[in-house]
Amino acid sequence: MIRFDRVAVIGVGLIGASLALALKKYGIAEEVSGTGRNEESLKKALRYGVIDSYSLDRSEVVKGADLVVLATPVGCFKDVIEEARPSFKRGAIVTDVGSVKGGLAREIEALMPDGVVFVGGHPIAGSDRSGIDAASADLFAGAKCIVTPTERTPEDAVRKVSALWSALGAEVCLLSPEEHDLVFALVSHLPHLIAYALVNTVGDVNPEYVHYAGKGFKDTTRVALSSPELWRDICFKNKENLLDLVQRFQQSLAEMVDALKEGETDELEMLFEKARSLRSRLL
């Protein structure tokens, strides 16, 4: 059974708070400390029993922690590490829950002081709701969690982080940081970009028309309710993959547009069936 005496969660929002609750529910952490930008939210987390203590000082909250979890927007990671790294306990593991790895993971890895290891992690769980009030100890049960070691990551640290997520009910998969970013540019980052664009298209025509939307539109655009700050950072940190895939998406859309222009009903149906066949694998 994996266990940590003290865990520091940097960023007690939906994912950070859910992780803290899960660590306590499954007896994985003896003590969970937290930090964030909003003291009122931290006080609420303390009242709710999400965390056992908090500090607005990141370097203070990581002192003595065996595990440090980065749960802020990914654009803050480097600043967080720069501020907290002098206080990291020797032998500690630093991990994260961010949606981008790639070059960022290697930059964070290079910032680790001697005796401290970074192991990237990305639980595929979340909600269009945000904050402590939406947190759940069972958020990760049945979800996938991607662990992204590099060639420099010690195997023992990878085992510990993998065991942590497995203990919370997640299915652990290993990918390199670079493959992770390509995969999630395709299945997460691009869909978010498209959802934002689709809603904005309705707004550009007539914002009032959104009230006529049915379940299909709501399902398709649910992720457009996600935090703009969070997704701004994700898109810029995975910009190269995303720009390439936007071009591929435009080509796919252009094929459908051409079929419509030319009245090629069979071609359009074939393109729809191709997508339907692949999508059915998720059922």
C-alpha atoms as a PDB file:
ATOM      1  CA  MET A   1       0.000   0.000   0.000  1.00  0.00           C
ATOM      2  CA  ILE A   2       1.443   3.343  -1.062  1.00  0.00           C
ATOM      3  CA  ARG A   3       1.548   5.951   1.702  1.00  0.00           C
ATOM      4  CA  PHE A   4       2.960   9.430   2.243  1.00  0.00           C
ATOM      5  CA  ASP A   5       3.327  11.073   5.648  1.00  0.00           C
ATOM      6  CA  ARG A   6       2.814  14.569   4.294  1.00  0.00           C
ATOM      7  CA  VAL A   7       1.479  15.780   0.937  1.00  0.00           C
ATOM      8  CA  ALA A   8       1.464  19.390  -0.268  1.00  0.00           C
ATOM      9  CA  VAL A   9      -1.133  20.349  -2.875  1.00  0.00           C
ATOM     10  CA  ILE A  10      -0.324  23.559  -4.722  1.00  0.00           C
ATOM     11  CA  GLY A  11      -3.611  24.775  -6.142  1.00  0.00           C
ATOM     12  CA  VAL A  12      -6.707  23.629  -4.234  1.00  0.00           C
ATOM     13  CA  GLY A  13      -9.245  23.863  -7.061  1.00  0.00           C
ATOM     14  CA  LEU A  14     -11.407  21.087  -8.479  1.00  0.00           C
ATOM     15  CA  ILE A  15      -8.583  18.636  -9.220  1.00  0.00           C
ATOM     16  CA  GLY A  16      -6.337  19.598  -6.304  1.00  0.00           C
ATOM     17  CA  ALA A  17      -9.183  19.452  -3.788  1.00  0.00           C
ATOM     18  CA  SER A  18     -10.498  16.172  -5.220  1.00  0.00           C
ATOM     19  CA  LEU A  19      -7.027  14.682  -4.954  1.00  0.00           C
ATOM     20  CA  ALA A  20      -6.700  15.866  -1.354  1.00  0.00           C
ATOM     21  CA  LEU A  21     -10.061  14.308  -0.483  1.00  0.00           C
ATOM     22  CA  ALA A  22      -9.122  11.048  -2.202  1.00  0.00           C
ATOM     23  CA  LEU A  23      -5.738  10.874  -0.442  1.00  0.00           C
ATOM     24  CA  LYS A  24      -7.512  11.165   2.893  1.00  0.00           C
ATOM     25  CA  LYS A  25     -10.395   8.829   1.993  1.00  0.00           C
ATOM     26  CA  TYR A  26      -8.063   6.020   0.974  1.00  0.00           C
ATOM     27  CA  GLY A  27      -5.580   6.593   3.791  1.00  0.00           C
ATOM     28  CA  ILE A  28      -2.711   7.438   1.457  1.00  0.00           C
ATOM     29  CA  ALA A  29      -1.675  10.646   3.224  1.00  0.00           C
ATOM     30  CA  GLU A  30      -1.310  11.230   6.950  1.00  0.00           C
ATOM     31  CA  GLU A  31      -1.467  15.004   6.452  1.00  0.00           C
ATOM     32  CA  VAL A  32      -2.421  17.173   3.467  1.00  0.00           C
ATOM     33  CA  SER A  33      -1.409  20.822   3.315  1.00  0.00           C
ATOM     34  CA  GLY A  34      -2.546  23.245   0.645  1.00  0.00           C
ATOM     35  CA  THR A  35      -1.828  26.582  -0.898  1.00  0.00           C
ATOM     36  CA  GLY A  36      -3.421  28.801  -3.510  1.00  0.00           C
ATOM     37  CA  ARG A  37      -4.119  32.384  -4.505  1.00  0.00           C
ATOM     38  CA  ASN A  38      -7.421  32.828  -2.662  1.00  0.00           C
ATOM     39  CA  GLU A  39      -7.270  32.628   1.118  1.00  0.00           C
ATOM     40  CA  GLU A  40     -11.050  32.428   1.446  1.00  0.00           C
ATOM     41  CA  SER A  41     -11.034  29.285  -0.707  1.00  0.00           C
ATOM     42  CA  LEU A  42      -8.251  27.816   1.418  1.00  0.00           C
ATOM     43  CA  LYS A  43     -10.198  28.573   4.595  1.00  0.00           C
ATOM     44  CA  LYS A  44     -13.224  26.832   3.071  1.00  0.00           C
ATOM     45  CA  ALA A  45     -11.045  23.822   2.176  1.00  0.00           C
ATOM     46  CA  LEU A  46      -9.872  23.700   5.780  1.00  0.00           C
ATOM     47  CA  ARG A  47     -13.452  23.908   7.120  1.00  0.00           C
ATOM     48  CA  TYR A  48     -14.605  21.180   4.745  1.00  0.00           C
ATOM     49  CA  GLY A  49     -11.763  18.902   5.826  1.00  0.00           C
ATOM     50  CA  VAL A  50     -10.255  18.892   2.345  1.00  0.00           C
ATOM     51  CA  ILE A  51      -6.866  19.902   3.769  1.00  0.00           C
ATOM     52  CA  ASP A  52      -5.380  19.838   7.265  1.00  0.00           C
ATOM     53  CA  SER A  53      -3.460  23.122   7.011  1.00  0.00           C
ATOM     54  CA  TYR A  54      -2.698  25.881   4.541  1.00  0.00           C
ATOM     55  CA  SER A  55      -0.321  28.722   3.852  1.00  0.00           C
ATOM     56  CA  LEU A  56      -0.226  31.407   1.192  1.00  0.00           C
ATOM     57  CA  ASP A  57       3.540  30.913   1.135  1.00  0.00           C
ATOM     58  CA  ARG A  58       4.380  28.104  -1.286  1.00  0.00           C
ATOM     59  CA  SER A  59       7.837  27.599   0.167  1.00  0.00           C
ATOM     60  CA  GLU A  60       6.281  27.130   3.600  1.00  0.00           C
ATOM     61  CA  VAL A  61       3.606  24.645   2.550  1.00  0.00           C
ATOM     62  CA  VAL A  62       6.064  22.239   0.879  1.00  0.00           C
ATOM     63  CA  LYS A  63       8.371  21.966   3.893  1.00  0.00           C
ATOM     64  CA  GLY A  64       8.616  18.363   5.024  1.00  0.00           C
ATOM     65  CA  ALA A  65       6.314  17.106   2.257  1.00  0.00           C
ATOM     66  CA  ASP A  66       7.109  13.672   0.836  1.00  0.00           C
ATOM     67  CA  LEU A  67       4.905  14.403  -2.178  1.00  0.00           C
ATOM     68  CA  VAL A  68       4.265  17.795  -3.787  1.00  0.00           C
ATOM     69  CA  VAL A  69       1.439  18.053  -6.324  1.00  0.00           C
ATOM     70  CA  LEU A  70       1.278  20.908  -8.836  1.00  0.00           C
ATOM     71  CA  ALA A  71      -2.418  21.574  -9.448  1.00  0.00           C
ATOM     72  CA  THR A  72      -2.275  25.170 -10.678  1.00  0.00           C
ATOM     73  CA  PRO A  73      -2.725  26.197 -14.334  1.00  0.00           C
ATOM     74  CA  VAL A  74       0.296  24.873 -16.240  1.00  0.00           C
ATOM     75  CA  GLY A  75       1.458  28.396 -17.051  1.00  0.00           C
ATOM     76  CA  CYS A  76       2.254  28.862 -13.353  1.00  0.00           C
ATOM     77  CA  PHE A  77       4.367  25.721 -12.906  1.00  0.00           C
ATOM     78  CA  LYS A  78       7.800  27.260 -13.395  1.00  0.00           C
ATOM     79  CA  ASP A  79       7.075  30.197 -11.070  1.00  0.00           C
ATOM     80  CA  VAL A  80       5.736  27.800  -8.439  1.00  0.00           C
ATOM     81  CA  ILE A  81       8.856  25.632  -8.598  1.00  0.00           C
ATOM     82  CA  GLU A  82      11.207  28.615  -8.490  1.00  0.00           C
ATOM     83  CA  GLU A  83       9.503  29.858  -5.334  1.00  0.00           C
ATOM     84  CA  ALA A  84       9.154  26.513  -3.556  1.00  0.00           C
ATOM     85  CA  ARG A  85      12.285  24.593  -4.575  1.00  0.00           C
ATOM     86  CA  PRO A  86      14.568  25.839  -1.747  1.00  0.00           C
ATOM     87  CA  SER A  87      12.162  24.218   0.734  1.00  0.00           C
ATOM     88  CA  PHE A  88      11.727  20.838  -0.955  1.00  0.00           C
ATOM     89  CA  LYS A  89      12.537  17.932   1.309  1.00  0.00           C
ATOM     90  CA  ARG A  90      15.388  15.749   0.067  1.00  0.00           C
ATOM     91  CA  GLY A  91      13.853  12.523  -1.222  1.00  0.00           C
ATOM     92  CA  ALA A  92      10.539  14.196  -2.101  1.00  0.00           C
ATOM     93  CA  ILE A  93       8.619  13.450  -5.270  1.00  0.00           C
ATOM     94  CA  VAL A  94       7.070  16.326  -7.216  1.00  0.00           C
ATOM     95  CA  THR A  95       4.234  15.461  -9.586  1.00  0.00           C
ATOM     96  CA  ASP A  96       1.468  17.366 -11.349  1.00  0.00           C
ATOM     97  CA  VAL A  97      -2.034  17.009 -12.770  1.00  0.00           C
ATOM     98  CA  GLY A  98      -1.527  19.206 -15.828  1.00  0.00           C
ATOM     99  CA  SER A  99      -2.785  18.582 -19.350  1.00  0.00           C
ATOM    100  CA  VAL A 100       0.527  19.478 -21.006  1.00  0.00           C
ATOM    101  CA  LYS A 101       3.868  17.719 -20.631  1.00  0.00           C
ATOM    102  CA  GLY A 102       6.418  17.745 -23.495  1.00  0.00           C
ATOM    103  CA  GLY A 103       9.016  20.463 -23.137  1.00  0.00           C
ATOM    104  CA  LEU A 104       7.358  21.777 -19.979  1.00  0.00           C
ATOM    105  CA  ALA A 105       7.898  18.480 -18.150  1.00  0.00           C
ATOM    106  CA  ARG A 106      11.568  18.511 -19.092  1.00  0.00           C
ATOM    107  CA  GLU A 107      11.921  22.127 -17.953  1.00  0.00           C
ATOM    108  CA  ILE A 108      10.368  21.279 -14.590  1.00  0.00           C
ATOM    109  CA  GLU A 109      12.548  18.180 -14.306  1.00  0.00           C
ATOM    110  CA  ALA A 110      15.654  20.330 -14.846  1.00  0.00           C
ATOM    111  CA  LEU A 111      14.581  22.682 -12.036  1.00  0.00           C
ATOM    112  CA  MET A 112      14.519  19.944  -9.408  1.00  0.00           C
ATOM    113  CA  PRO A 113      17.203  20.294  -6.709  1.00  0.00           C
ATOM    114  CA  ASP A 114      19.475  17.364  -5.883  1.00  0.00           C
ATOM    115  CA  GLY A 115      17.584  14.529  -4.235  1.00  0.00           C
ATOM    116  CA  VAL A 116      14.153  15.617  -5.518  1.00  0.00           C
ATOM    117  CA  VAL A 117      12.447  13.889  -8.458  1.00  0.00           C
ATOM    118  CA  PHE A 118       9.738  15.089 -10.841  1.00  0.00           C
ATOM    119  CA  VAL A 119       7.266  12.584 -12.304  1.00  0.00           C
ATOM    120  CA  GLY A 120       4.633  13.989 -14.654  1.00  0.00           C
ATOM    121  CA  GLY A 121       1.020  12.914 -14.180  1.00  0.00           C
ATOM    122  CA  HIS A 122      -2.280  13.714 -15.881  1.00  0.00           C
ATOM    123  CA  PRO A 123      -5.562  12.297 -14.544  1.00  0.00           C
ATOM    124  CA  ILE A 124      -8.183  12.270 -17.308  1.00  0.00           C
ATOM    125  CA  ALA A 125     -10.917  13.471 -15.010  1.00  0.00           C
ATOM    126  CA  GLY A 126     -12.639  16.754 -14.442  1.00  0.00           C
ATOM    127  CA  SER A 127     -15.849  18.688 -14.779  1.00  0.00           C
ATOM    128  CA  ASP A 128     -17.178  21.816 -16.414  1.00  0.00           C
ATOM    129  CA  ARG A 129     -17.634  22.995 -12.827  1.00  0.00           C
ATOM    130  CA  SER A 130     -14.659  24.326 -10.925  1.00  0.00           C
ATOM    131  CA  GLY A 131     -13.533  24.983  -7.381  1.00  0.00           C
ATOM    132  CA  ILE A 132     -13.768  23.241  -4.038  1.00  0.00           C
ATOM    133  CA  ASP A 133     -17.562  22.956  -4.070  1.00  0.00           C
ATOM    134  CA  ALA A 134     -17.342  20.638  -7.102  1.00  0.00           C
ATOM    135  CA  ALA A 135     -14.590  18.446  -5.604  1.00  0.00           C
ATOM    136  CA  SER A 136     -15.138  14.730  -5.054  1.00  0.00           C
ATOM    137  CA  ALA A 137     -12.967  12.021  -3.525  1.00  0.00           C
ATOM    138  CA  ASP A 138     -14.249   9.650  -6.223  1.00  0.00           C
ATOM    139  CA  LEU A 139     -13.416  11.893  -9.188  1.00  0.00           C
ATOM    140  CA  PHE A 140     -10.568   9.617 -10.317  1.00  0.00           C
ATOM    141  CA  ALA A 141     -12.272   6.260  -9.848  1.00  0.00           C
ATOM    142  CA  GLY A 142     -12.478   4.513 -13.205  1.00  0.00           C
ATOM    143  CA  ALA A 143     -10.597   7.310 -14.984  1.00  0.00           C
ATOM    144  CA  LYS A 144      -7.345   6.977 -16.875  1.00  0.00           C
ATOM    145  CA  CYS A 145      -4.225   8.639 -15.496  1.00  0.00           C
ATOM    146  CA  ILE A 146      -1.250   9.190 -17.777  1.00  0.00           C
ATOM    147  CA  VAL A 147       2.170   9.049 -16.110  1.00  0.00           C
ATOM    148  CA  THR A 148       4.923  10.580 -18.253  1.00  0.00           C
ATOM    149  CA  PRO A 149       8.437   9.587 -17.195  1.00  0.00           C
ATOM    150  CA  THR A 150      11.485  10.735 -19.142  1.00  0.00           C
ATOM    151  CA  GLU A 151      14.664   8.765 -19.672  1.00  0.00           C
ATOM    152  CA  ARG A 152      15.987  10.425 -16.492  1.00  0.00           C
ATOM    153  CA  THR A 153      13.086   9.508 -14.195  1.00  0.00           C
ATOM    154  CA  PRO A 154      14.001   6.904 -11.538  1.00  0.00           C
ATOM    155  CA  GLU A 155      11.899   3.748 -11.846  1.00  0.00           C
ATOM    156  CA  ASP A 156      11.106   3.753  -8.131  1.00  0.00           C
ATOM    157  CA  ALA A 157       9.534   7.224  -8.380  1.00  0.00           C
ATOM    158  CA  VAL A 158       7.480   6.129 -11.398  1.00  0.00           C
ATOM    159  CA  ARG A 159       6.252   3.097  -9.429  1.00  0.00           C
ATOM    160  CA  LYS A 160       5.238   5.266  -6.477  1.00  0.00           C
ATOM    161  CA  VAL A 161       3.303   7.796  -8.555  1.00  0.00           C
ATOM    162  CA  SER A 162       1.652   4.996 -10.540  1.00  0.00           C
ATOM    163  CA  ALA A 163       0.728   3.192  -7.308  1.00  0.00           C
ATOM    164  CA  LEU A 164      -0.776   6.418  -5.956  1.00  0.00           C
ATOM    165  CA  TRP A 165      -3.163   6.801  -8.884  1.00  0.00           C
ATOM    166  CA  SER A 166      -3.990   3.096  -8.938  1.00  0.00           C
ATOM    167  CA  ALA A 167      -4.919   3.311  -5.251  1.00  0.00           C
ATOM    168  CA  LEU A 168      -7.377   6.097  -6.118  1.00  0.00           C
ATOM    169  CA  GLY A 169      -9.098   3.813  -8.641  1.00  0.00           C
ATOM    170  CA  ALA A 170      -7.483   5.164 -11.807  1.00  0.00           C
ATOM    171  CA  GLU A 171      -6.167   3.110 -14.724  1.00  0.00           C
ATOM    172  CA  VAL A 172      -2.522   4.099 -15.153  1.00  0.00           C
ATOM    173  CA  CYS A 173      -0.942   4.386 -18.604  1.00  0.00           C
ATOM    174  CA  LEU A 174       2.666   5.343 -19.365  1.00  0.00           C
ATOM    175  CA  LEU A 175       3.517   7.712 -22.236  1.00  0.00           C
ATOM    176  CA  SER A 176       6.527   9.842 -23.008  1.00  0.00           C
ATOM    177  CA  PRO A 177       5.913  13.581 -22.442  1.00  0.00           C
ATOM    178  CA  GLU A 178       6.002  14.189 -26.207  1.00  0.00           C
ATOM    179  CA  GLU A 179       3.561  11.423 -27.143  1.00  0.00           C
ATOM    180  CA  HIS A 180       1.271  12.574 -24.341  1.00  0.00           C
ATOM    181  CA  ASP A 181       1.077  16.051 -25.849  1.00  0.00           C
ATOM    182  CA  LEU A 182       0.297  14.762 -29.336  1.00  0.00           C
ATOM    183  CA  VAL A 183      -2.417  12.431 -28.042  1.00  0.00           C
ATOM    184  CA  PHE A 184      -4.108  15.070 -25.928  1.00  0.00           C
ATOM    185  CA  ALA A 185      -3.810  17.782 -28.526  1.00  0.00           C
ATOM    186  CA  LEU A 186      -5.974  15.450 -30.614  1.00  0.00           C
ATOM    187  CA  VAL A 187      -8.507  14.206 -28.091  1.00  0.00           C
ATOM    188  CA  SER A 188      -8.705  17.141 -25.680  1.00  0.00           C
ATOM    189  CA  HIS A 189      -7.038  20.411 -26.641  1.00  0.00           C
ATOM    190  CA  LEU A 190      -8.368  20.579 -30.216  1.00  0.00           C
ATOM    191  CA  PRO A 191     -11.938  19.702 -29.124  1.00  0.00           C
ATOM    192  CA  HIS A 192     -11.826  22.487 -26.528  1.00  0.00           C
ATOM    193  CA  LEU A 193     -10.657  24.963 -29.158  1.00  0.00           C
ATOM    194  CA  ILE A 194     -13.434  23.867 -31.518  1.00  0.00           C
ATOM    195  CA  ALA A 195     -16.079  24.059 -28.770  1.00  0.00           C
ATOM    196  CA  TYR A 196     -15.082  27.627 -27.916  1.00  0.00           C
ATOM    197  CA  ALA A 197     -15.129  28.544 -31.614  1.00  0.00           C
ATOM    198  CA  LEU A 198     -18.526  26.900 -32.169  1.00  0.00           C
ATOM    199  CA  VAL A 199     -20.154  28.820 -29.322  1.00  0.00           C
ATOM    200  CA  ASN A 200     -18.541  32.054 -30.510  1.00  0.00           C
ATOM    201  CA  THR A 201     -19.928  31.402 -34.010  1.00  0.00           C
ATOM    202  CA  VAL A 202     -23.447  31.289 -32.595  1.00  0.00           C
ATOM    203  CA  GLY A 203     -22.700  34.482 -30.667  1.00  0.00           C
ATOM    204  CA  ASP A 204     -21.438  36.214 -33.792  1.00  0.00           C
ATOM    205  CA  VAL A 205     -24.675  35.439 -35.647  1.00  0.00           C
ATOM    206  CA  ASN A 206     -27.076  36.093 -32.773  1.00  0.00           C
ATOM    207  CA  PRO A 207     -26.344  35.324 -29.096  1.00  0.00           C
ATOM    208  CA  GLU A 208     -30.051  34.795 -28.445  1.00  0.00           C
ATOM    209  CA  TYR A 209     -30.082  31.744 -30.719  1.00  0.00           C
ATOM    210  CA  VAL A 210     -28.162  29.767 -28.088  1.00  0.00           C
ATOM    211  CA  HIS A 211     -31.434  29.416 -26.162  1.00  0.00           C
ATOM    212  CA  TYR A 212     -32.798  27.158 -28.918  1.00  0.00           C
ATOM    213  CA  ALA A 213     -29.977  24.654 -28.455  1.00  0.00           C
ATOM    214  CA  GLY A 214     -30.821  21.055 -27.672  1.00  0.00           C
ATOM    215  CA  LYS A 215     -28.894  18.244 -26.077  1.00  0.00           C
ATOM    216  CA  GLY A 216     -26.605  17.735 -29.077  1.00  0.00           C
ATOM    217  CA  PHE A 217     -25.290  21.276 -28.948  1.00  0.00           C
ATOM    218  CA  LYS A 218     -24.974  21.125 -25.170  1.00  0.00           C
ATOM    219  CA  ASP A 219     -23.013  17.853 -25.328  1.00  0.00           C
ATOM    220  CA  THR A 220     -20.762  19.128 -28.112  1.00  0.00           C
ATOM    221  CA  THR A 221     -19.953  22.406 -26.384  1.00  0.00           C
ATOM    222  CA  ARG A 222     -19.939  21.359 -22.702  1.00  0.00           C
ATOM    223  CA  VAL A 223     -16.171  21.852 -22.477  1.00  0.00           C
ATOM    224  CA  ALA A 224     -16.584  25.502 -23.498  1.00  0.00           C
ATOM    225  CA  LEU A 225     -17.694  26.016 -19.883  1.00  0.00           C
ATOM    226  CA  SER A 226     -14.137  25.215 -18.768  1.00  0.00           C
ATOM    227  CA  SER A 227     -11.827  27.801 -17.219  1.00  0.00           C
ATOM    228  CA  PRO A 228     -10.566  30.228 -19.896  1.00  0.00           C
ATOM    229  CA  GLU A 229      -7.371  30.850 -17.895  1.00  0.00           C
ATOM    230  CA  LEU A 230      -6.615  27.154 -17.613  1.00  0.00           C
ATOM    231  CA  TRP A 231      -7.222  26.472 -21.299  1.00  0.00           C
ATOM    232  CA  ARG A 232      -5.348  29.572 -22.448  1.00  0.00           C
ATOM    233  CA  ASP A 233      -2.241  28.166 -20.757  1.00  0.00           C
ATOM    234  CA  ILE A 234      -2.779  24.652 -22.103  1.00  0.00           C
ATOM    235  CA  CYS A 235      -3.180  25.858 -25.690  1.00  0.00           C
ATOM    236  CA  PHE A 236      -0.050  27.989 -25.622  1.00  0.00           C
ATOM    237  CA  LYS A 237       2.038  25.291 -23.927  1.00  0.00           C
ATOM    238  CA  ASN A 238       1.021  22.769 -26.613  1.00  0.00           C
ATOM    239  CA  LYS A 239       0.906  25.299 -29.440  1.00  0.00           C
ATOM    240  CA  GLU A 240       2.984  23.427 -32.042  1.00  0.00           C
ATOM    241  CA  ASN A 241       0.897  20.261 -31.878  1.00  0.00           C
ATOM    242  CA  LEU A 242      -2.315  22.235 -31.759  1.00  0.00           C
ATOM    243  CA  LEU A 243      -1.523  24.411 -34.783  1.00  0.00           C
ATOM    244  CA  ASP A 244      -0.629  21.340 -36.834  1.00  0.00           C
ATOM    245  CA  LEU A 245      -3.822  19.564 -35.846  1.00  0.00           C
ATOM    246  CA  VAL A 246      -5.985  22.610 -36.522  1.00  0.00           C
ATOM    247  CA  GLN A 247      -4.715  22.423 -40.113  1.00  0.00           C
ATOM    248  CA  ARG A 248      -5.615  18.736 -40.260  1.00  0.00           C
ATOM    249  CA  PHE A 249      -9.065  19.532 -38.869  1.00  0.00           C
ATOM    250  CA  GLN A 250      -9.538  22.267 -41.459  1.00  0.00           C
ATOM    251  CA  GLN A 251      -8.659  19.758 -44.199  1.00  0.00           C
ATOM    252  CA  SER A 252     -11.203  17.284 -42.832  1.00  0.00           C
ATOM    253  CA  LEU A 253     -13.860  19.990 -42.651  1.00  0.00           C
ATOM    254  CA  ALA A 254     -12.960  21.138 -46.170  1.00  0.00           C
ATOM    255  CA  GLU A 255     -13.685  17.630 -47.498  1.00  0.00           C
ATOM    256  CA  MET A 256     -17.201  17.886 -46.078  1.00  0.00           C
ATOM    257  CA  VAL A 257     -17.632  21.422 -47.428  1.00  0.00           C
ATOM    258  CA  ASP A 258     -16.551  20.289 -50.892  1.00  0.00           C
ATOM    259  CA  ALA A 259     -19.033  17.400 -50.789  1.00  0.00           C
ATOM    260  CA  LEU A 260     -21.797  19.848 -49.880  1.00  0.00           C
ATOM    261  CA  LYS A 261     -20.823  22.283 -52.631  1.00  0.00           C
ATOM    262  CA  GLU A 262     -20.693  19.551 -55.271  1.00  0.00           C
ATOM    263  CA  GLY A 263     -23.861  17.823 -54.104  1.00  0.00           C
ATOM    264  CA  GLU A 264     -21.934  14.596 -53.437  1.00  0.00           C
ATOM    265  CA  THR A 265     -24.373  12.959 -51.025  1.00  0.00           C
ATOM    266  CA  ASP A 266     -22.599   9.592 -51.045  1.00  0.00           C
ATOM    267  CA  GLU A 267     -19.234  11.225 -50.279  1.00  0.00           C
ATOM    268  CA  LEU A 268     -20.670  13.186 -47.354  1.00  0.00           C
ATOM    269  CA  GLU A 269     -22.375  10.099 -45.955  1.00  0.00           C
ATOM    270  CA  MET A 270     -19.110   8.156 -46.288  1.00  0.00           C
ATOM    271  CA  LEU A 271     -17.239  10.810 -44.310  1.00  0.00           C
ATOM    272  CA  PHE A 272     -19.922  10.726 -41.615  1.00  0.00           C
ATOM    273  CA  GLU A 273     -19.801   6.915 -41.476  1.00  0.00           C
ATOM    274  CA  LYS A 274     -15.990   6.960 -41.182  1.00  0.00           C
ATOM    275  CA  ALA A 275     -16.303   9.202 -38.106  1.00  0.00           C
ATOM    276  CA  ARG A 276     -19.215   7.230 -36.680  1.00  0.00           C
ATOM    277  CA  SER A 277     -17.264   3.968 -36.927  1.00  0.00           C
ATOM    278  CA  LEU A 278     -14.289   5.329 -34.992  1.00  0.00           C
ATOM    279  CA  ARG A 279     -16.457   7.089 -32.409  1.00  0.00           C
ATOM    280  CA  SER A 280     -18.395   3.875 -31.761  1.00  0.00           C
ATOM    281  CA  ARG A 281     -15.238   2.320 -30.301  1.00  0.00           C
ATOM    282  CA  LEU A 282     -15.701   4.526 -27.221  1.00  0.00           C
ATOM    283  CA  LEU A 283     -19.122   3.040 -26.410  1.00  0.00           C
END
